[in-house]
Amino acid sequence: MNLDRASLEDAVRQGILAREQVERLWAFLEERNADQPSFRFTHILYYFGGLIAIGAMSLFMTLGWEQLGGWGLCFIAIAYIVLAVSLTEYLLGRKRLAIPAGITAALAVAIVPLAVYGLQEGLGWWAQGRVYRDYHVYIDWRWIMMELATLAAGAVALWRYRLPFLLMPVAVTLWYMSMDIVPFLLGDADYSWDLRRWVSLWWGLAMILVAFWIHLRSRSGKDYPFWIYLFGVLAFWGGLTSMDSNSELGKFAYFCINLGMIGVGALLSRRVFVVFGGIGAAIYLGHLARTIFKDSLLFPLALSAIGLGVIYLGILWQRNEQRIVARIRALLPEPLRAMADRS
């Protein structure tokens, strides 16, 4: 349920709340939610500027930077990290601006791979054939040291600042590791696509469970697990979807798993599960339309009937939602019930 100013104005017109109560309540909610990410223009500018700065030192770096040599890259990266940490301390300590502080702290963590790459290059520990710009493009076991250092820096930053956006570079790094860990352990020769799919699936599932654990333990109202959920679902669903199945039973199981993701998303109030689950379900229905029921006149009619039936189930759910939810929550353990209340 979303509470906005228009809803409060409607309550005034219906005599439920007084004008003075609405003004005081709205002022209280604005102050309380000042540090909660939203689609306010100010927050859009924060994140847009932050992503530009992070991308400038990662995705959009040019080969010209390689001319500075390893030590040059390392020193520049350290200088950027010091600057980003100083901005974080200033924004958080002096200005009490948690959202831009989280972005500058994430920038510091996102630059750590460049510092480690430059250090390895400067010490002569980096083999030829890969440059830093490839870090965000190609799978390679040599990125592992950069990824481990980034995770360590992220852990330190989270311990120091407790800002949810810091989990963005951590989640991205964990996603990268899901692809780089197998060639690191087994070598490039043994790195098959089939193994890559399974590693992505199980790694993603592990990230989802970690995010759920964070979600379960969070008491601050800040959305710490968001980025872990996002990239965990991306790794899990990507691995699952890329698997080849020669049986219709396997494809139907894929469809059921995606339906389960939609249910989990509704239970946890996490749209990422619903979005990817919906895409997966659509992929399966497209498979049925292309192969099993190719050129069939009845399939679109049957599918339309199923869609209308789902809409009717939604109507029944809306009519009985409070009673059903109350019964389900009564069966949940206290920690899960508290988490559902926060969602």
Protein backbone atom coordinates (compact mmCIF):
# COMPACT_ATOMS: atom_id res chain seq x y z
CA MET A 1 0.00 0.00 0.00
CA ASN A 2 1.40 3.40 -1.06
CA LEU A 3 0.54 6.48 0.98
CA ASP A 4 0.80 9.75 -0.93
CA ARG A 5 -0.32 13.33 -0.47
CA ALA A 6 -3.36 12.83 -2.73
CA SER A 7 -4.64 10.01 -0.48
CA LEU A 8 -4.34 12.23 2.58
CA GLU A 9 -6.20 15.02 0.77
CA ASP A 10 -9.00 12.58 -0.01
CA ALA A 11 -9.13 11.69 3.70
CA VAL A 12 -9.56 15.41 4.51
CA ARG A 13 -12.39 15.79 2.00
CA GLN A 14 -14.17 12.80 3.50
CA GLY A 15 -13.80 14.14 7.02
CA ILE A 16 -11.53 11.31 8.21
CA LEU A 17 -8.56 13.58 8.99
CA ALA A 18 -8.28 17.27 9.80
CA ARG A 19 -6.17 19.59 7.62
CA GLU A 20 -3.74 20.25 10.48
CA GLN A 21 -3.29 16.50 11.06
CA VAL A 22 -2.50 15.96 7.39
CA GLU A 23 0.13 18.71 7.36
CA ARG A 24 1.83 17.37 10.48
CA LEU A 25 1.65 13.75 9.28
CA TRP A 26 3.04 14.62 5.84
CA ALA A 27 5.90 16.63 7.37
CA PHE A 28 6.71 13.68 9.63
CA LEU A 29 6.70 11.19 6.73
CA GLU A 30 8.88 13.42 4.55
CA GLU A 31 11.46 13.80 7.32
CA ARG A 32 11.41 10.09 8.12
CA ASN A 33 11.75 9.00 4.49
CA ALA A 34 14.29 11.61 3.42
CA ASP A 35 17.00 8.94 3.20
CA GLN A 36 14.82 6.31 1.52
CA PRO A 37 15.55 5.95 -2.22
CA SER A 38 12.62 7.04 -4.37
CA PHE A 39 11.81 8.57 -7.74
CA ARG A 40 12.22 12.12 -6.50
CA PHE A 41 14.09 14.33 -8.94
CA THR A 42 16.82 14.92 -6.33
CA HIS A 43 17.39 11.19 -5.89
CA ILE A 44 17.41 10.63 -9.66
CA LEU A 45 20.18 13.23 -9.96
CA TYR A 46 22.10 11.55 -7.12
CA TYR A 47 22.02 8.09 -8.71
CA PHE A 48 22.49 9.28 -12.28
CA GLY A 49 25.58 11.27 -11.32
CA GLY A 50 26.89 8.44 -9.18
CA LEU A 51 26.48 5.85 -11.91
CA ILE A 52 28.24 8.14 -14.38
CA ALA A 53 31.18 8.49 -11.98
CA ILE A 54 31.31 4.74 -11.29
CA GLY A 55 31.02 3.92 -14.99
CA ALA A 56 33.78 6.39 -15.85
CA MET A 57 36.24 4.44 -13.70
CA SER A 58 35.03 0.99 -14.78
CA LEU A 59 32.87 0.35 -17.85
CA PHE A 60 33.92 3.39 -19.87
CA MET A 61 37.67 3.43 -19.31
CA THR A 62 39.65 3.67 -22.54
CA LEU A 63 42.83 1.95 -23.58
CA GLY A 64 44.64 5.28 -23.25
CA TRP A 65 44.81 4.73 -19.49
CA GLU A 66 47.05 1.71 -20.06
CA GLN A 67 49.80 4.12 -21.20
CA LEU A 68 50.15 5.28 -17.58
CA GLY A 69 51.52 1.87 -16.63
CA GLY A 70 50.62 -0.25 -13.64
CA TRP A 71 51.96 2.08 -10.96
CA GLY A 72 50.30 5.09 -12.57
CA LEU A 73 46.94 3.33 -12.60
CA CYS A 74 47.41 2.18 -9.02
CA PHE A 75 48.26 5.66 -7.69
CA ILE A 76 45.40 7.31 -9.59
CA ALA A 77 42.96 4.68 -8.28
CA ILE A 78 44.16 5.19 -4.71
CA ALA A 79 43.78 8.96 -5.10
CA TYR A 80 40.21 8.46 -6.34
CA ILE A 81 39.46 6.14 -3.42
CA VAL A 82 40.81 8.68 -0.92
CA LEU A 83 38.72 11.41 -2.55
CA ALA A 84 35.57 9.24 -2.55
CA VAL A 85 36.05 8.24 1.09
CA SER A 86 36.63 11.89 2.07
CA LEU A 87 33.41 12.89 0.28
CA THR A 88 31.57 10.09 2.07
CA GLU A 89 32.79 11.26 5.46
CA TYR A 90 31.83 14.84 4.64
CA LEU A 91 28.38 14.04 3.25
CA LEU A 92 27.53 11.66 6.07
CA GLY A 93 29.19 13.42 8.97
CA ARG A 94 28.68 17.09 8.13
CA LYS A 95 25.65 17.14 5.83
CA ARG A 96 23.75 14.07 7.04
CA LEU A 97 23.04 13.09 3.42
CA ALA A 98 22.93 9.30 3.49
CA ILE A 99 22.02 8.66 -0.17
CA PRO A 100 24.86 10.64 -1.85
CA ALA A 101 27.21 9.35 0.86
CA GLY A 102 26.27 5.78 -0.06
CA ILE A 103 26.97 6.53 -3.71
CA THR A 104 30.43 8.00 -3.06
CA ALA A 105 31.24 5.08 -0.75
CA ALA A 106 30.18 2.66 -3.50
CA LEU A 107 32.41 4.61 -5.91
CA ALA A 108 35.38 3.99 -3.60
CA VAL A 109 34.66 0.25 -3.55
CA ALA A 110 34.11 0.13 -7.32
CA ILE A 111 37.59 1.59 -7.94
CA VAL A 112 39.34 -1.13 -5.90
CA PRO A 113 39.66 -3.53 -8.91
CA LEU A 114 41.58 -0.83 -10.81
CA ALA A 115 43.95 -0.32 -7.89
CA VAL A 116 44.60 -4.06 -7.59
CA TYR A 117 45.07 -4.40 -11.36
CA GLY A 118 47.56 -1.53 -11.37
CA LEU A 119 49.42 -3.03 -8.41
CA GLN A 120 49.68 -6.43 -10.11
CA GLU A 121 50.79 -4.80 -13.36
CA GLY A 122 53.35 -2.66 -11.55
CA LEU A 123 54.81 -5.65 -9.71
CA GLY A 124 55.01 -7.66 -12.93
CA TRP A 125 52.44 -10.19 -11.73
CA TRP A 126 50.00 -9.59 -14.57
CA ALA A 127 50.18 -11.78 -17.67
CA GLN A 128 49.76 -10.16 -21.07
CA GLY A 129 46.57 -10.58 -23.05
CA ARG A 130 44.06 -8.77 -20.84
CA VAL A 131 43.69 -5.10 -19.97
CA TYR A 132 41.58 -3.55 -17.24
CA ARG A 133 38.77 -2.58 -19.60
CA ASP A 134 38.20 -6.30 -20.27
CA TYR A 135 37.31 -6.85 -16.59
CA HIS A 136 33.67 -5.97 -17.30
CA VAL A 137 33.51 -7.81 -20.63
CA TYR A 138 35.33 -11.15 -20.57
CA ILE A 139 35.31 -14.16 -18.24
CA ASP A 140 38.84 -14.81 -16.98
CA TRP A 141 40.18 -16.50 -13.85
CA ARG A 142 42.80 -13.74 -13.46
CA TRP A 143 40.11 -11.32 -12.24
CA ILE A 144 39.64 -13.33 -9.04
CA MET A 145 42.20 -11.39 -6.97
CA MET A 146 40.56 -8.11 -8.01
CA GLU A 147 37.15 -9.50 -7.06
CA LEU A 148 38.31 -10.78 -3.66
CA ALA A 149 39.87 -7.41 -2.88
CA THR A 150 36.62 -5.66 -3.88
CA LEU A 151 34.58 -7.92 -1.58
CA ALA A 152 36.98 -7.21 1.28
CA ALA A 153 36.78 -3.46 0.65
CA GLY A 154 32.98 -3.69 0.48
CA ALA A 155 32.86 -5.52 3.82
CA VAL A 156 35.02 -2.86 5.47
CA ALA A 157 32.93 -0.06 3.97
CA LEU A 158 29.69 -1.69 5.13
CA TRP A 159 31.10 -2.10 8.63
CA ARG A 160 32.07 1.58 8.66
CA TYR A 161 29.05 3.23 7.01
CA ARG A 162 26.03 0.84 7.04
CA LEU A 163 24.70 2.27 3.76
CA PRO A 164 22.57 -0.03 1.55
CA PHE A 165 23.92 1.21 -1.82
CA LEU A 166 27.34 -0.18 -0.85
CA LEU A 167 25.94 -3.61 -1.62
CA MET A 168 25.66 -2.71 -5.30
CA PRO A 169 29.38 -3.16 -6.15
CA VAL A 170 29.48 -6.15 -3.79
CA ALA A 171 26.55 -7.81 -5.62
CA VAL A 172 28.04 -7.07 -9.05
CA THR A 173 31.36 -8.55 -7.93
CA LEU A 174 29.67 -11.70 -6.62
CA TRP A 175 27.93 -12.03 -9.98
CA TYR A 176 31.25 -11.70 -11.81
CA MET A 177 32.78 -14.31 -9.50
CA SER A 178 30.04 -16.77 -10.40
CA MET A 179 31.46 -16.72 -13.93
CA ASP A 180 35.19 -16.50 -13.12
CA ILE A 181 35.44 -19.02 -10.26
CA VAL A 182 35.27 -22.20 -12.39
CA PRO A 183 38.16 -21.37 -14.76
CA PHE A 184 40.09 -20.24 -11.66
CA LEU A 185 39.60 -23.65 -10.00
CA LEU A 186 39.65 -25.97 -13.00
CA GLY A 187 41.55 -24.09 -15.68
CA ASP A 188 40.33 -22.83 -19.03
CA ALA A 189 40.54 -26.24 -20.71
CA ASP A 190 37.95 -27.82 -18.39
CA TYR A 191 35.57 -24.88 -18.44
CA SER A 192 32.51 -26.12 -20.33
CA TRP A 193 29.35 -24.14 -20.97
CA ASP A 194 27.29 -26.78 -19.20
CA LEU A 195 29.35 -26.39 -16.04
CA ARG A 196 29.07 -22.60 -16.33
CA ARG A 197 25.27 -22.86 -16.34
CA TRP A 198 25.18 -25.02 -13.23
CA VAL A 199 27.64 -22.80 -11.36
CA SER A 200 25.59 -19.72 -12.26
CA LEU A 201 22.40 -21.42 -11.04
CA TRP A 202 23.77 -22.60 -7.69
CA TRP A 203 25.77 -19.42 -7.11
CA GLY A 204 22.68 -17.35 -7.77
CA LEU A 205 20.63 -19.51 -5.41
CA ALA A 206 23.28 -19.02 -2.72
CA MET A 207 23.13 -15.24 -3.22
CA ILE A 208 19.34 -15.33 -2.93
CA LEU A 209 19.60 -17.22 0.36
CA VAL A 210 22.16 -14.72 1.66
CA ALA A 211 19.84 -11.87 0.67
CA PHE A 212 16.95 -13.62 2.42
CA TRP A 213 19.08 -13.97 5.56
CA ILE A 214 19.91 -10.25 5.43
CA HIS A 215 16.22 -9.49 4.82
CA LEU A 216 15.26 -11.62 7.81
CA ARG A 217 17.72 -9.96 10.17
CA SER A 218 17.29 -6.36 9.03
CA ARG A 219 15.58 -4.18 11.61
CA SER A 220 16.53 -0.71 10.37
CA GLY A 221 13.99 -0.34 7.56
CA LYS A 222 16.82 0.11 5.03
CA ASP A 223 16.72 -2.15 1.99
CA TYR A 224 20.09 -3.86 2.38
CA PRO A 225 19.23 -7.06 0.44
CA PHE A 226 17.97 -5.32 -2.73
CA TRP A 227 21.14 -5.60 -4.82
CA ILE A 228 21.95 -9.12 -3.59
CA TYR A 229 18.44 -10.23 -4.55
CA LEU A 230 18.77 -8.56 -7.97
CA PHE A 231 22.05 -10.15 -9.03
CA GLY A 232 21.28 -13.43 -7.26
CA VAL A 233 18.07 -13.79 -9.26
CA LEU A 234 19.91 -12.72 -12.41
CA ALA A 235 22.57 -15.43 -11.93
CA PHE A 236 20.04 -18.12 -10.91
CA TRP A 237 17.51 -17.37 -13.63
CA GLY A 238 20.20 -16.87 -16.27
CA GLY A 239 21.77 -20.25 -15.49
CA LEU A 240 18.37 -21.93 -15.42
CA THR A 241 17.15 -20.38 -18.67
CA SER A 242 20.35 -21.16 -20.58
CA MET A 243 20.11 -24.88 -19.81
CA ASP A 244 19.08 -27.15 -22.67
CA SER A 245 16.26 -29.61 -22.07
CA ASN A 246 15.30 -32.20 -24.64
CA SER A 247 12.18 -33.26 -22.76
CA GLU A 248 8.86 -31.53 -22.39
CA LEU A 249 8.85 -32.55 -18.73
CA GLY A 250 12.05 -30.55 -18.16
CA LYS A 251 10.58 -27.53 -19.92
CA PHE A 252 7.42 -27.80 -17.84
CA ALA A 253 9.58 -27.96 -14.70
CA TYR A 254 11.22 -24.72 -15.87
CA PHE A 255 7.76 -23.19 -16.20
CA CYS A 256 6.82 -24.33 -12.68
CA ILE A 257 10.03 -22.89 -11.21
CA ASN A 258 9.24 -19.54 -12.82
CA LEU A 259 5.71 -19.66 -11.42
CA GLY A 260 7.28 -20.35 -8.03
CA MET A 261 9.50 -17.28 -8.46
CA ILE A 262 6.39 -15.17 -9.04
CA GLY A 263 4.91 -16.55 -5.82
CA VAL A 264 8.11 -15.89 -3.87
CA GLY A 265 8.20 -12.35 -5.25
CA ALA A 266 4.65 -11.74 -4.07
CA LEU A 267 5.41 -13.19 -0.63
CA LEU A 268 8.61 -11.17 -0.12
CA SER A 269 7.35 -8.06 -1.97
CA ARG A 270 10.31 -8.35 -4.35
CA ARG A 271 9.51 -7.34 -7.93
CA VAL A 272 12.71 -8.84 -9.32
CA PHE A 273 11.37 -12.37 -8.74
CA VAL A 274 8.07 -11.47 -10.39
CA VAL A 275 9.72 -9.85 -13.42
CA PHE A 276 12.11 -12.71 -14.19
CA GLY A 277 9.50 -15.34 -13.30
CA GLY A 278 7.05 -13.68 -15.67
CA ILE A 279 9.64 -13.59 -18.47
CA GLY A 280 10.42 -17.28 -17.90
CA ALA A 281 6.75 -18.23 -17.96
CA ALA A 282 6.32 -16.27 -21.20
CA ILE A 283 9.30 -18.11 -22.72
CA TYR A 284 7.66 -21.47 -21.93
CA LEU A 285 4.30 -20.40 -23.35
CA GLY A 286 6.11 -19.17 -26.45
CA HIS A 287 7.73 -22.60 -26.75
CA LEU A 288 4.29 -24.23 -26.61
CA ALA A 289 2.99 -21.88 -29.28
CA ARG A 290 5.96 -22.50 -31.60
CA THR A 291 6.29 -26.27 -31.23
CA ILE A 292 3.66 -28.28 -29.39
CA PHE A 293 0.64 -26.31 -30.59
CA LYS A 294 2.06 -24.96 -33.84
CA ASP A 295 -0.70 -23.83 -36.23
CA SER A 296 -3.34 -24.84 -33.68
CA LEU A 297 -6.56 -22.81 -33.64
CA LEU A 298 -7.42 -23.82 -30.08
CA PHE A 299 -4.18 -22.87 -28.32
CA PRO A 300 -4.64 -19.05 -28.40
CA LEU A 301 -8.26 -19.52 -27.27
CA ALA A 302 -7.25 -21.84 -24.44
CA LEU A 303 -4.44 -19.50 -23.41
CA SER A 304 -6.83 -16.54 -23.38
CA ALA A 305 -9.19 -18.54 -21.15
CA ILE A 306 -6.33 -19.32 -18.78
CA GLY A 307 -5.37 -15.63 -18.68
CA LEU A 308 -8.93 -14.62 -17.85
CA GLY A 309 -9.02 -17.33 -15.20
CA VAL A 310 -5.88 -15.89 -13.61
CA ILE A 311 -7.53 -12.45 -13.60
CA TYR A 312 -10.57 -13.99 -11.85
CA LEU A 313 -8.26 -15.56 -9.25
CA GLY A 314 -6.83 -12.08 -8.70
CA ILE A 315 -10.33 -10.75 -8.06
CA LEU A 316 -11.03 -13.53 -5.55
CA TRP A 317 -7.68 -12.85 -3.88
CA GLN A 318 -8.42 -9.14 -3.56
CA ARG A 319 -11.79 -9.84 -1.97
CA ASN A 320 -10.34 -12.27 0.59
CA GLU A 321 -6.74 -11.00 0.87
CA GLN A 322 -6.85 -9.78 4.46
CA ARG A 323 -8.40 -13.00 5.77
CA ILE A 324 -6.03 -15.26 3.79
CA VAL A 325 -2.93 -13.24 4.67
CA ALA A 326 -3.91 -13.20 8.36
CA ARG A 327 -4.20 -17.00 8.38
CA ILE A 328 -0.90 -17.48 6.55
CA ARG A 329 0.96 -15.07 8.85
CA ALA A 330 -0.45 -16.83 11.91
CA LEU A 331 1.33 -20.00 10.74
CA LEU A 332 4.69 -18.26 10.20
CA PRO A 333 7.49 -18.16 12.81
CA GLU A 334 7.89 -14.80 14.51
CA PRO A 335 10.97 -13.68 12.48
CA LEU A 336 9.21 -14.41 9.18
CA ARG A 337 6.05 -12.70 10.39
CA ALA A 338 8.03 -9.60 11.34
CA MET A 339 9.73 -9.60 7.93
CA ALA A 340 6.37 -9.88 6.15
CA ASP A 341 5.04 -6.96 8.21
CA ARG A 342 8.03 -4.83 7.17
CA SER A 343 7.46 -5.73 3.50
